[in-house]
Amino acid sequence: MSEPLPAPYGLRHVALKVRDMAAAEAFYAGLLGFSVEWRPDPESLYLRLRGDSLALHRGEPARHGVLEHLGIAFAKPSDVDAWVRHLSSHGVRLLAPARQHRDGAYSAYVADPDGNAVQLICHPPIVEFEEGRPDGGAQSPSANSPGSC
C-alpha cells in the first residue's frame, strides 16, 4: 500500500498576463497591498500577500475563458465592503456588488486594469482556517452550508 500524499497548503499562486505592467502593479501593489517579491525583468513582476504569490507577465491576456476570477480573502463582510469603497474611490470598476451567497460567503467583484475579475471574499472555510481551525468548516452547522460570514 502506498503512503498518503502530503496535503497541499492550498491555492497559493496565480499568474496573469497583463497589457500594462505599471497599471497592474499600481492596482495589485498600490491599491490591494501586495508587496513586490521580485522584479527579474521589465516583462515580469512577482508579488506577495501574506502566504500568497501573484506573478504578472507582460503580454496579451488570454480570452479563452480559462480564468473565471481570482479571489482575495477577508475576515469579515465589513472588510469586503470597506475594500469595495476604497477601490471604487480610486476608479476601479465594480463588476458585481457585494452580496451574501448561498454557501455562506460574502463577496463582491472588481476588475483589474486588464479586465480580470477579482473577487473580494469572506468565505467561512478560509476564515476558520485562518483562525486556527484547519478543518475548514468540517464542523459547520449545516450540511448544505459551511457556515456564514
Protein backbone atom coordinates (compact mmCIF):
# COMPACT_ATOMS: atom_id res chain seq x y z
CA MET A 1 0.00 0.00 0.00
CA SER A 2 1.37 3.41 -0.93
CA GLU A 3 1.85 6.20 1.57
CA PRO A 4 -0.70 9.03 1.50
CA LEU A 5 0.35 12.12 -0.36
CA PRO A 6 1.27 15.19 1.69
CA ALA A 7 -1.60 17.69 1.92
CA PRO A 8 -1.11 20.85 -0.12
CA TYR A 9 -1.30 24.25 1.54
CA GLY A 10 -3.98 25.32 -0.92
CA LEU A 11 -4.16 27.56 -3.94
CA ARG A 12 -1.34 29.99 -3.18
CA HIS A 13 -0.14 31.08 -6.64
CA VAL A 14 -1.78 32.67 -9.66
CA ALA A 15 -0.06 34.03 -12.78
CA LEU A 16 -1.69 36.63 -15.02
CA LYS A 17 -0.77 38.14 -18.36
CA VAL A 18 -1.20 41.91 -18.27
CA ARG A 19 -1.02 44.55 -21.01
CA ASP A 20 0.24 47.40 -18.82
CA MET A 21 2.69 46.35 -16.12
CA ALA A 22 2.64 49.75 -14.39
CA ALA A 23 -1.17 49.79 -14.17
CA ALA A 24 -1.23 46.20 -12.90
CA GLU A 25 1.41 46.97 -10.27
CA ALA A 26 -0.48 50.10 -9.20
CA PHE A 27 -3.65 48.01 -8.79
CA TYR A 28 -2.24 44.95 -7.02
CA ALA A 29 0.58 46.57 -5.01
CA GLY A 30 -0.68 50.13 -4.71
CA LEU A 31 -4.37 49.53 -4.08
CA LEU A 32 -4.63 45.94 -2.82
CA GLY A 33 -1.47 45.93 -0.69
CA PHE A 34 0.61 43.21 -2.34
CA SER A 35 4.36 43.66 -1.84
CA VAL A 36 6.97 43.25 -4.56
CA GLU A 37 8.81 39.97 -4.10
CA TRP A 38 10.96 40.01 -7.23
CA ARG A 39 11.25 42.01 -10.45
CA PRO A 40 13.55 39.87 -12.64
CA ASP A 41 13.00 41.94 -15.79
CA PRO A 42 10.62 44.59 -17.22
CA GLU A 43 8.31 41.84 -18.51
CA SER A 44 7.74 40.07 -15.16
CA LEU A 45 6.77 41.02 -11.64
CA TYR A 46 6.26 38.70 -8.67
CA LEU A 47 4.08 39.92 -5.83
CA ARG A 48 3.19 38.50 -2.44
CA LEU A 49 0.37 38.96 0.04
CA ARG A 50 0.96 37.05 3.25
CA GLY A 51 1.44 33.45 2.06
CA ASP A 52 0.13 34.00 -1.45
CA SER A 53 2.05 34.63 -4.67
CA LEU A 54 0.89 36.51 -7.76
CA ALA A 55 3.02 36.58 -10.91
CA LEU A 56 2.40 39.27 -13.53
CA HIS A 57 3.79 38.76 -17.04
CA ARG A 58 3.51 41.34 -19.80
CA GLY A 59 1.53 40.07 -22.77
CA GLU A 60 -1.92 39.92 -24.25
CA PRO A 61 -4.33 38.32 -21.77
CA ALA A 62 -5.86 35.09 -22.99
CA ARG A 63 -9.54 35.42 -23.74
CA HIS A 64 -10.44 31.75 -23.96
CA GLY A 65 -12.18 31.65 -20.62
CA VAL A 66 -9.83 29.54 -18.52
CA LEU A 67 -9.65 32.02 -15.63
CA GLU A 68 -13.06 32.79 -14.15
CA HIS A 69 -11.66 35.03 -11.44
CA LEU A 70 -9.08 35.21 -8.68
CA GLY A 71 -10.08 35.78 -5.09
CA ILE A 72 -8.64 37.78 -2.22
CA ALA A 73 -9.94 36.60 1.15
CA PHE A 74 -11.02 38.78 4.08
CA ALA A 75 -12.06 38.03 7.65
CA LYS A 76 -15.43 39.82 7.73
CA PRO A 77 -18.12 41.07 5.34
CA SER A 78 -17.45 44.61 6.56
CA ASP A 79 -13.85 44.18 5.34
CA VAL A 80 -15.17 43.36 1.86
CA ASP A 81 -17.41 46.43 1.97
CA ALA A 82 -14.53 48.66 3.09
CA TRP A 83 -12.35 47.44 0.22
CA VAL A 84 -15.15 47.96 -2.30
CA ARG A 85 -15.48 51.57 -1.12
CA HIS A 86 -11.69 52.04 -1.22
CA LEU A 87 -11.25 50.61 -4.70
CA SER A 88 -14.32 52.44 -6.06
CA SER A 89 -12.90 55.71 -4.76
CA HIS A 90 -9.85 55.03 -6.95
CA GLY A 91 -11.93 54.46 -10.06
CA VAL A 92 -11.77 50.67 -10.03
CA ARG A 93 -14.71 49.20 -11.93
CA LEU A 94 -17.20 47.23 -9.83
CA LEU A 95 -18.29 44.10 -11.72
CA ALA A 96 -20.77 42.82 -9.12
CA PRO A 97 -21.84 44.45 -5.86
CA ALA A 98 -21.29 42.72 -2.55
CA ARG A 99 -23.84 40.08 -1.63
CA GLN A 100 -24.34 37.06 0.59
CA HIS A 101 -24.00 33.74 -1.26
CA ARG A 102 -25.90 30.54 -0.53
CA ASP A 103 -22.70 28.86 0.73
CA GLY A 104 -22.33 31.49 3.45
CA ALA A 105 -19.69 33.50 1.62
CA TYR A 106 -19.97 37.24 1.14
CA SER A 107 -18.27 38.81 -1.84
CA ALA A 108 -18.03 41.49 -4.49
CA TYR A 109 -16.20 41.53 -7.81
CA VAL A 110 -13.99 44.27 -9.25
CA ALA A 111 -11.95 44.45 -12.46
CA ASP A 112 -8.19 44.82 -12.59
CA PRO A 113 -6.72 47.08 -15.31
CA ASP A 114 -6.84 44.24 -17.88
CA GLY A 115 -10.43 43.30 -17.05
CA ASN A 116 -9.60 40.21 -14.99
CA ALA A 117 -12.28 39.63 -12.37
CA VAL A 118 -11.01 39.92 -8.80
CA GLN A 119 -13.35 38.58 -6.12
CA LEU A 120 -13.14 40.21 -2.69
CA ILE A 121 -14.47 37.44 -0.46
CA CYS A 122 -15.22 36.45 3.10
CA HIS A 123 -15.51 32.65 2.84
CA PRO A 124 -16.26 30.69 6.04
CA PRO A 125 -13.79 27.82 5.49
CA ILE A 126 -10.98 30.29 4.82
CA VAL A 127 -11.88 32.33 7.90
CA GLU A 128 -11.97 29.16 10.02
CA PHE A 129 -8.58 28.09 8.69
CA GLU A 130 -7.04 31.50 9.33
CA GLU A 131 -8.46 31.44 12.86
CA GLY A 132 -6.62 28.21 13.53
CA ARG A 133 -9.40 25.75 12.79
CA PRO A 134 -7.83 23.86 9.88
CA ASP A 135 -10.88 21.64 9.48
CA GLY A 136 -12.02 24.31 7.02
CA GLY A 137 -15.64 24.12 8.05
CA ALA A 138 -15.94 20.39 8.74
CA GLN A 139 -17.81 21.19 11.94
CA SER A 140 -20.19 23.60 10.28
CA PRO A 141 -23.78 23.90 11.50
CA SER A 142 -25.37 22.77 8.23
CA ALA A 143 -24.55 20.00 5.81
CA ASN A 144 -25.63 22.33 2.97
CA SER A 145 -23.55 25.32 4.00
CA PRO A 146 -20.09 25.66 5.54
CA GLY A 147 -21.25 28.50 7.79
CA SER A 148 -21.71 32.18 7.21
CA CYS A 149 -19.60 35.28 7.04
